[in-house]
């Protein structure tokens, strides 16, 4: 039996802040939880699965009594905002119609897409659909992550690779991935590639160094991240 745990869930409350930040009474909690899920599904379907393919890697949700704030991390902020802000305004209006609440949308640019596990996994899954040579492609993605500043990269594919009758597993790894070190910033993503010969699982781990307060990437959730890191040092 494998002793595996999700790298992000392992660090939540220690070195990572939550992706949904709000409090609710017990009677309202389930409704808001389902609403968060619907928001994430809608944004992913609209911005990642259909044009403009804006490469949204993460969606954070914050709530107050008056307002719901959706924070999008994207590698292509120009496509999300649109000409004169038309796209972001339309998205905000649609989210307001979906939730029935006052919504504000904020955008954070992903400075380096090659070291973001979600974007790398999506790119690999897309190339698998086009029947690319998976060995060469996975090796190139790992090397690109290392050249972009990552200290370690690992990509694993599982399924009918190359259309083979029997499913198998293939992985490529460069550098180090300290999975059991809580202070290590390990970015992880899992994506399914739906190819003509079946579904192929794509898992990506990228080690971006140790956490420090100066490396906080999310200005709107800085307090949550700092508090989590402080608890981890005790």
Protein backbone atom coordinates (compact mmCIF):
# COMPACT_ATOMS: atom_id res chain seq x y z
CA UNK A 1 0.00 0.00 0.00
CA UNK A 2 1.40 3.41 -0.98
CA UNK A 3 1.98 6.05 1.70
CA UNK A 4 1.16 9.02 -0.53
CA UNK A 5 -0.29 12.41 0.38
CA UNK A 6 -1.19 15.51 -1.64
CA UNK A 7 1.76 17.97 -1.48
CA UNK A 8 -0.55 21.00 -1.14
CA UNK A 9 -2.94 19.45 1.40
CA UNK A 10 0.09 18.29 3.42
CA UNK A 11 1.23 21.93 3.78
CA UNK A 12 -2.11 23.73 4.30
CA UNK A 13 -2.06 25.52 7.64
CA UNK A 14 1.70 25.07 7.99
CA UNK A 15 3.35 26.82 5.05
CA UNK A 16 0.37 27.31 2.71
CA UNK A 17 -2.82 29.35 3.12
CA UNK A 18 -6.26 28.05 2.12
CA UNK A 19 -7.57 28.65 -1.41
CA UNK A 20 -11.02 29.54 -0.05
CA UNK A 21 -10.85 32.11 2.75
CA UNK A 22 -14.14 32.76 4.56
CA UNK A 23 -16.16 31.86 7.63
CA UNK A 24 -19.83 30.80 7.71
CA UNK A 25 -22.35 29.46 10.22
CA UNK A 26 -23.00 25.72 10.10
CA UNK A 27 -26.36 26.13 8.35
CA UNK A 28 -24.77 28.13 5.47
CA UNK A 29 -21.46 26.30 5.13
CA UNK A 30 -22.58 23.57 2.68
CA UNK A 31 -24.26 26.08 0.36
CA UNK A 32 -21.17 28.28 0.16
CA UNK A 33 -18.91 25.26 -0.35
CA UNK A 34 -20.97 24.12 -3.36
CA UNK A 35 -20.99 27.71 -4.64
CA UNK A 36 -17.17 27.81 -4.50
CA UNK A 37 -17.04 24.57 -6.52
CA UNK A 38 -19.42 25.97 -9.15
CA UNK A 39 -17.40 29.19 -9.45
CA UNK A 40 -14.19 27.23 -10.02
CA UNK A 41 -15.83 24.91 -12.55
CA UNK A 42 -17.36 27.83 -14.46
CA UNK A 43 -14.16 29.89 -14.58
CA UNK A 44 -12.08 26.87 -15.65
CA UNK A 45 -14.56 25.92 -18.40
CA UNK A 46 -14.84 29.48 -19.67
CA UNK A 47 -11.19 30.58 -19.60
CA UNK A 48 -9.24 27.31 -19.96
CA UNK A 49 -11.40 24.93 -22.01
CA UNK A 50 -12.75 27.41 -24.59
CA UNK A 51 -11.17 30.45 -26.30
CA UNK A 52 -9.36 32.63 -25.25
CA UNK A 53 -7.46 29.77 -23.45
CA UNK A 54 -6.15 32.19 -20.84
CA UNK A 55 -3.98 29.67 -18.91
CA UNK A 56 -5.61 30.20 -15.49
CA UNK A 57 -3.57 28.13 -13.04
CA UNK A 58 -5.33 28.85 -9.75
CA UNK A 59 -8.55 30.36 -8.39
CA UNK A 60 -8.72 31.82 -4.88
CA UNK A 61 -12.01 32.88 -3.30
CA UNK A 62 -12.44 35.34 -0.43
CA UNK A 63 -15.75 36.33 1.15
CA UNK A 64 -16.92 39.14 3.41
CA UNK A 65 -20.47 39.93 4.49
CA UNK A 66 -20.93 42.29 1.53
CA UNK A 67 -18.69 40.98 -1.23
CA UNK A 68 -17.29 37.89 -2.91
CA UNK A 69 -13.75 38.29 -4.31
CA UNK A 70 -12.42 35.91 -6.99
CA UNK A 71 -8.64 36.04 -7.46
CA UNK A 72 -7.36 34.51 -10.71
CA UNK A 73 -3.73 33.53 -11.25
CA UNK A 74 -3.05 33.48 -14.99
CA UNK A 75 -0.11 33.42 -17.38
CA UNK A 76 -2.06 35.53 -19.91
CA UNK A 77 -3.71 38.40 -18.00
CA UNK A 78 -4.33 40.36 -21.24
CA UNK A 79 -6.68 37.65 -22.53
CA UNK A 80 -8.63 37.57 -19.25
CA UNK A 81 -9.00 41.37 -19.12
CA UNK A 82 -9.77 41.81 -22.82
CA UNK A 83 -9.79 45.09 -24.81
CA UNK A 84 -10.66 47.99 -22.47
CA UNK A 85 -11.52 45.48 -19.73
CA UNK A 86 -14.56 44.12 -21.56
CA UNK A 87 -13.85 40.43 -20.88
CA UNK A 88 -13.23 40.84 -17.15
CA UNK A 89 -16.38 42.97 -16.79
CA UNK A 90 -18.45 40.34 -18.59
CA UNK A 91 -16.95 37.57 -16.43
CA UNK A 92 -17.76 39.53 -13.26
CA UNK A 93 -21.37 40.05 -14.40
CA UNK A 94 -21.74 36.33 -15.19
CA UNK A 95 -20.37 35.37 -11.76
CA UNK A 96 -22.81 37.78 -10.13
CA UNK A 97 -25.68 36.10 -12.04
CA UNK A 98 -24.36 32.66 -11.05
CA UNK A 99 -24.05 33.44 -7.33
CA UNK A 100 -26.57 36.24 -6.81
CA UNK A 101 -23.92 38.18 -4.86
CA UNK A 102 -21.78 41.25 -5.41
CA UNK A 103 -18.57 39.99 -7.05
CA UNK A 104 -15.19 41.62 -7.62
CA UNK A 105 -12.50 39.96 -9.75
CA UNK A 106 -8.75 40.42 -9.29
CA UNK A 107 -5.95 39.14 -11.50
CA UNK A 108 -2.44 38.03 -10.52
CA UNK A 109 0.03 37.33 -13.32
CA UNK A 110 2.02 34.09 -13.21
CA UNK A 111 5.49 35.43 -13.95
CA UNK A 112 7.04 32.10 -14.92
CA UNK A 113 4.65 29.52 -16.48
CA UNK A 114 7.44 26.91 -16.82
CA UNK A 115 7.65 26.56 -13.02
CA UNK A 116 3.89 26.36 -12.46
CA UNK A 117 2.83 22.71 -12.14
CA UNK A 118 -0.77 23.24 -13.28
CA UNK A 119 0.25 25.05 -16.50
CA UNK A 120 2.96 22.47 -17.26
CA UNK A 121 0.49 19.60 -16.71
CA UNK A 122 -2.12 21.25 -18.97
CA UNK A 123 0.51 21.77 -21.69
CA UNK A 124 1.63 18.12 -21.47
CA UNK A 125 -2.00 16.89 -21.57
CA UNK A 126 -2.68 19.03 -24.66
CA UNK A 127 0.38 17.64 -26.45
CA UNK A 128 -0.64 14.08 -25.56
CA UNK A 129 -3.92 14.67 -27.44
CA UNK A 130 -1.84 15.60 -30.51
CA UNK A 131 0.06 12.30 -30.27
CA UNK A 132 3.44 13.91 -29.62
CA UNK A 133 6.44 11.75 -28.76
CA UNK A 134 5.80 11.59 -25.01
CA UNK A 135 9.38 10.66 -24.01
CA UNK A 136 10.96 13.63 -25.75
CA UNK A 137 8.16 15.99 -24.73
CA UNK A 138 8.28 15.10 -21.02
CA UNK A 139 12.07 15.43 -20.95
CA UNK A 140 11.88 18.86 -22.64
CA UNK A 141 9.29 20.08 -20.09
CA UNK A 142 11.48 19.00 -17.17
CA UNK A 143 14.51 20.72 -18.69
CA UNK A 144 12.49 23.91 -19.35
CA UNK A 145 11.41 23.99 -15.69
CA UNK A 146 15.03 23.61 -14.52
CA UNK A 147 16.21 26.35 -16.91
CA UNK A 148 13.43 28.62 -15.58
CA UNK A 149 14.83 28.40 -12.04
CA UNK A 150 13.20 25.30 -10.50
CA UNK A 151 15.39 23.15 -8.23
CA UNK A 152 13.63 19.95 -9.21
CA UNK A 153 10.99 18.70 -11.67
CA UNK A 154 9.17 15.40 -12.07
CA UNK A 155 6.50 14.48 -14.63
CA UNK A 156 4.64 11.16 -14.60
CA UNK A 157 2.31 9.75 -17.27
CA UNK A 158 -0.02 6.79 -16.74
CA UNK A 159 -2.26 5.05 -19.27
CA UNK A 160 -2.15 3.64 -22.81
CA UNK A 161 1.00 5.55 -23.76
CA UNK A 162 1.52 5.68 -27.50
CA UNK A 163 -1.76 3.77 -28.00
CA UNK A 164 -0.31 0.54 -26.57
CA UNK A 165 -2.71 -2.30 -25.67
CA UNK A 166 -1.50 -2.39 -22.09
CA UNK A 167 -1.40 0.66 -19.85
CA UNK A 168 1.89 1.56 -18.23
CA UNK A 169 3.64 4.33 -16.37
CA UNK A 170 6.45 6.58 -17.57
CA UNK A 171 8.22 9.31 -15.64
CA UNK A 172 11.06 11.77 -16.05
CA UNK A 173 12.81 13.46 -13.15
CA UNK A 174 15.51 16.12 -12.78
CA UNK A 175 16.89 17.69 -9.60
CA UNK A 176 15.42 17.00 -6.14
CA UNK A 177 11.79 16.86 -4.94
CA UNK A 178 11.78 16.90 -1.07
CA UNK A 179 8.17 15.77 -0.57
CA UNK A 180 8.41 15.24 3.20
CA UNK A 181 9.97 18.65 3.97
CA UNK A 182 7.17 20.98 5.03
CA UNK A 183 9.23 24.13 4.38
CA UNK A 184 9.87 23.06 0.77
CA UNK A 185 7.76 24.86 -1.85
CA UNK A 186 6.61 21.88 -3.96
CA UNK A 187 4.01 22.77 -6.60
CA UNK A 188 1.86 19.81 -7.68
CA UNK A 189 -0.87 19.29 -10.27
CA UNK A 190 -2.80 16.34 -11.68
CA UNK A 191 -4.59 16.56 -15.06
CA UNK A 192 -6.37 13.99 -17.24
CA UNK A 193 -5.68 13.97 -20.98
CA UNK A 194 -8.63 12.51 -22.94
CA UNK A 195 -6.99 11.02 -26.04
CA UNK A 196 -8.54 8.97 -28.86
CA UNK A 197 -7.19 5.75 -27.32
CA UNK A 198 -8.24 6.43 -23.71
CA UNK A 199 -7.58 8.69 -20.74
CA UNK A 200 -3.99 9.38 -19.72
CA UNK A 201 -3.14 10.75 -16.28
CA UNK A 202 -0.53 13.50 -16.06
CA UNK A 203 1.08 14.36 -12.72
CA UNK A 204 3.64 17.15 -12.25
CA UNK A 205 5.80 18.02 -9.24
CA UNK A 206 8.00 21.16 -9.34
CA UNK A 207 10.30 22.16 -6.45
CA UNK A 208 10.75 25.94 -6.34
CA UNK A 209 13.01 26.20 -3.28
CA UNK A 210 12.25 26.84 0.40
CA UNK A 211 9.54 29.22 1.62
CA UNK A 212 10.61 32.70 2.71
CA UNK A 213 8.44 35.70 3.57
CA UNK A 214 9.94 37.69 0.68
CA UNK A 215 8.73 35.14 -1.88
CA UNK A 216 5.02 35.58 -1.12
CA UNK A 217 3.41 35.59 -4.55
CA UNK A 218 -0.16 36.48 -3.57
CA UNK A 219 -0.46 40.07 -2.29
CA UNK A 220 -4.11 39.65 -1.37
CA UNK A 221 -3.47 36.59 0.76
CA UNK A 222 -0.11 37.61 2.25
CA UNK A 223 -1.44 37.58 5.80
CA UNK A 224 -2.79 34.03 5.45
CA UNK A 225 0.50 32.75 4.01
CA UNK A 226 2.63 34.55 6.62
CA UNK A 227 0.49 33.20 9.49
CA UNK A 228 0.74 29.67 8.08
CA UNK A 229 4.53 29.92 7.77
CA UNK A 230 4.86 31.32 11.29
CA UNK A 231 2.96 28.30 12.66
CA UNK A 232 5.29 26.02 10.72
CA UNK A 233 8.40 27.49 12.43
CA UNK A 234 7.13 26.90 15.97
